[in-house]
Amino acid sequence: MKPIAQPGREFRIVAAGLFKATCLQLMDEVYANRNLTIIVTKRGKPVMQMSAPPEGLTLSGPTVELEPDTYVAAQVTALQAEATATFEQGRKKKKDKKKKHK
């Protein structure tokens, strides 16, 4: 995959495994070279792009703290319980089948 050339921009393609190992270093490089865009690939397909934010952008201001979503947590817990029960039923059926053949 070759990125589309843009005047004044430098592109670098990095595999996801290498990105994982060198993420902080790559962030420093992008910060130092604002014209650098890093394309991260997974199995040869682009999955994300990292580039410097626009000049003058600041993140100052009020911060927001997120509360845990108890509804979603309850749904996940219910799905886990359902999956475990289904798995256990399958194991029991397999075990019973083996006992019958002995």
C-alpha atoms as a PDB file:
ATOM      1  CA  MET A   1       0.000   0.000   0.000  1.00  0.00           C
ATOM      2  CA  LYS A   2       1.438   3.314  -1.027  1.00  0.00           C
ATOM      3  CA  PRO A   3      -0.090   6.426   0.553  1.00  0.00           C
ATOM      4  CA  ILE A   4      -1.286   9.233  -1.690  1.00  0.00           C
ATOM      5  CA  ALA A   5       1.517  11.776  -2.026  1.00  0.00           C
ATOM      6  CA  GLN A   6       0.784  15.208  -0.641  1.00  0.00           C
ATOM      7  CA  PRO A   7       3.147  18.141  -1.108  1.00  0.00           C
ATOM      8  CA  GLY A   8       5.078  18.847   2.080  1.00  0.00           C
ATOM      9  CA  ARG A   9       3.908  15.674   3.860  1.00  0.00           C
ATOM     10  CA  GLU A  10       6.019  12.696   4.771  1.00  0.00           C
ATOM     11  CA  PHE A  11       4.337   9.307   5.153  1.00  0.00           C
ATOM     12  CA  ARG A  12       5.662   6.254   6.923  1.00  0.00           C
ATOM     13  CA  ILE A  13       4.003   2.834   6.963  1.00  0.00           C
ATOM     14  CA  VAL A  14       4.442   0.819  10.159  1.00  0.00           C
ATOM     15  CA  ALA A  15       3.179  -2.698  10.924  1.00  0.00           C
ATOM     16  CA  ALA A  16       0.933  -2.979  13.997  1.00  0.00           C
ATOM     17  CA  GLY A  17       3.447  -5.122  15.911  1.00  0.00           C
ATOM     18  CA  LEU A  18       6.218  -2.564  15.421  1.00  0.00           C
ATOM     19  CA  PHE A  19       3.808   0.257  16.284  1.00  0.00           C
ATOM     20  CA  LYS A  20       2.922  -1.505  19.532  1.00  0.00           C
ATOM     21  CA  ALA A  21       6.597  -1.823  20.451  1.00  0.00           C
ATOM     22  CA  THR A  22       7.570   1.749  19.497  1.00  0.00           C
ATOM     23  CA  CYS A  23       4.379   3.781  19.961  1.00  0.00           C
ATOM     24  CA  LEU A  24       5.806   6.403  22.341  1.00  0.00           C
ATOM     25  CA  GLN A  25       8.889   6.905  20.172  1.00  0.00           C
ATOM     26  CA  LEU A  26       6.695   7.342  17.085  1.00  0.00           C
ATOM     27  CA  MET A  27       4.534   9.874  18.953  1.00  0.00           C
ATOM     28  CA  ASP A  28       7.669  11.886  19.744  1.00  0.00           C
ATOM     29  CA  GLU A  29       8.712  11.762  16.074  1.00  0.00           C
ATOM     30  CA  VAL A  30       5.307  12.996  14.906  1.00  0.00           C
ATOM     31  CA  TYR A  31       5.414  15.787  17.497  1.00  0.00           C
ATOM     32  CA  ALA A  32       8.909  16.827  16.370  1.00  0.00           C
ATOM     33  CA  ASN A  33       8.093  16.601  12.640  1.00  0.00           C
ATOM     34  CA  ARG A  34       4.594  18.017  12.162  1.00  0.00           C
ATOM     35  CA  ASN A  35       4.659  16.999   8.480  1.00  0.00           C
ATOM     36  CA  LEU A  36       4.979  13.303   9.346  1.00  0.00           C
ATOM     37  CA  THR A  37       1.965  11.012   9.105  1.00  0.00           C
ATOM     38  CA  ILE A  38       2.281   7.409  10.230  1.00  0.00           C
ATOM     39  CA  ILE A  39      -0.030   4.798   8.699  1.00  0.00           C
ATOM     40  CA  VAL A  40      -0.366   1.671  10.864  1.00  0.00           C
ATOM     41  CA  THR A  41      -1.172  -1.574   9.071  1.00  0.00           C
ATOM     42  CA  LYS A  42      -2.510  -4.878  10.321  1.00  0.00           C
ATOM     43  CA  ARG A  43      -1.855  -7.807   7.993  1.00  0.00           C
ATOM     44  CA  GLY A  44      -0.963  -5.316   5.278  1.00  0.00           C
ATOM     45  CA  LYS A  45      -4.176  -3.292   5.511  1.00  0.00           C
ATOM     46  CA  PRO A  46      -4.256   0.263   6.901  1.00  0.00           C
ATOM     47  CA  VAL A  47      -6.098   0.432  10.217  1.00  0.00           C
ATOM     48  CA  MET A  48      -5.147   3.842  11.600  1.00  0.00           C
ATOM     49  CA  GLN A  49      -3.319   7.045  10.881  1.00  0.00           C
ATOM     50  CA  MET A  50      -1.307   9.132  13.342  1.00  0.00           C
ATOM     51  CA  SER A  51      -0.445  12.750  12.656  1.00  0.00           C
ATOM     52  CA  ALA A  52       0.154  15.922  14.634  1.00  0.00           C
ATOM     53  CA  PRO A  53      -2.868  18.015  15.610  1.00  0.00           C
ATOM     54  CA  PRO A  54      -3.413  21.376  13.913  1.00  0.00           C
ATOM     55  CA  GLU A  55      -1.175  24.245  15.066  1.00  0.00           C
ATOM     56  CA  GLY A  56      -2.569  26.124  18.035  1.00  0.00           C
ATOM     57  CA  LEU A  57      -4.927  23.393  19.181  1.00  0.00           C
ATOM     58  CA  THR A  58      -4.995  23.154  22.960  1.00  0.00           C
ATOM     59  CA  LEU A  59      -6.787  20.771  25.228  1.00  0.00           C
ATOM     60  CA  SER A  60      -7.152  23.207  28.098  1.00  0.00           C
ATOM     61  CA  GLY A  61     -10.566  23.721  29.552  1.00  0.00           C
ATOM     62  CA  PRO A  62     -12.968  21.710  31.633  1.00  0.00           C
ATOM     63  CA  THR A  63     -12.340  18.010  31.915  1.00  0.00           C
ATOM     64  CA  VAL A  64     -15.001  15.351  31.969  1.00  0.00           C
ATOM     65  CA  GLU A  65     -14.866  12.237  34.093  1.00  0.00           C
ATOM     66  CA  LEU A  66     -16.848   9.321  32.773  1.00  0.00           C
ATOM     67  CA  GLU A  67     -18.980   7.303  35.129  1.00  0.00           C
ATOM     68  CA  PRO A  68     -19.021   3.538  34.630  1.00  0.00           C
ATOM     69  CA  ASP A  69     -22.065   2.481  32.637  1.00  0.00           C
ATOM     70  CA  THR A  70     -23.779   0.000  34.943  1.00  0.00           C
ATOM     71  CA  TYR A  71     -26.346  -0.949  32.288  1.00  0.00           C
ATOM     72  CA  VAL A  72     -23.625  -2.002  29.833  1.00  0.00           C
ATOM     73  CA  ALA A  73     -21.697  -3.768  32.611  1.00  0.00           C
ATOM     74  CA  ALA A  74     -24.840  -5.731  33.530  1.00  0.00           C
ATOM     75  CA  GLN A  75     -25.367  -6.703  29.886  1.00  0.00           C
ATOM     76  CA  VAL A  76     -21.773  -7.922  29.590  1.00  0.00           C
ATOM     77  CA  THR A  77     -22.107  -9.917  32.810  1.00  0.00           C
ATOM     78  CA  ALA A  78     -25.349 -11.501  31.560  1.00  0.00           C
ATOM     79  CA  LEU A  79     -23.755 -12.398  28.220  1.00  0.00           C
ATOM     80  CA  GLN A  80     -20.763 -13.937  30.004  1.00  0.00           C
ATOM     81  CA  ALA A  81     -23.084 -16.017  32.196  1.00  0.00           C
ATOM     82  CA  GLU A  82     -25.076 -17.143  29.150  1.00  0.00           C
ATOM     83  CA  ALA A  83     -21.911 -18.086  27.250  1.00  0.00           C
ATOM     84  CA  THR A  84     -20.565 -20.011  30.250  1.00  0.00           C
ATOM     85  CA  ALA A  85     -23.857 -21.897  30.656  1.00  0.00           C
ATOM     86  CA  THR A  86     -23.926 -22.798  26.952  1.00  0.00           C
ATOM     87  CA  PHE A  87     -20.313 -23.968  27.117  1.00  0.00           C
ATOM     88  CA  GLU A  88     -20.998 -26.084  30.197  1.00  0.00           C
ATOM     89  CA  GLN A  89     -24.069 -27.659  28.552  1.00  0.00           C
ATOM     90  CA  GLY A  90     -21.945 -28.599  25.557  1.00  0.00           C
ATOM     91  CA  ARG A  91     -19.285 -30.143  27.799  1.00  0.00           C
ATOM     92  CA  LYS A  92     -21.915 -32.109  29.721  1.00  0.00           C
ATOM     93  CA  LYS A  93     -23.493 -33.460  26.510  1.00  0.00           C
ATOM     94  CA  LYS A  94     -20.079 -34.497  25.213  1.00  0.00           C
ATOM     95  CA  LYS A  95     -19.258 -36.195  28.525  1.00  0.00           C
ATOM     96  CA  ASP A  96     -22.628 -38.022  28.585  1.00  0.00           C
ATOM     97  CA  LYS A  97     -22.108 -39.166  25.001  1.00  0.00           C
ATOM     98  CA  LYS A  98     -18.705 -40.651  25.912  1.00  0.00           C
ATOM     99  CA  LYS A  99     -20.232 -42.496  28.895  1.00  0.00           C
ATOM    100  CA  LYS A 100     -22.909 -44.091  26.683  1.00  0.00           C
ATOM    101  CA  HIS A 101     -20.295 -45.447  24.265  1.00  0.00           C
ATOM    102  CA  LYS A 102     -18.245 -47.158  26.981  1.00  0.00           C
END
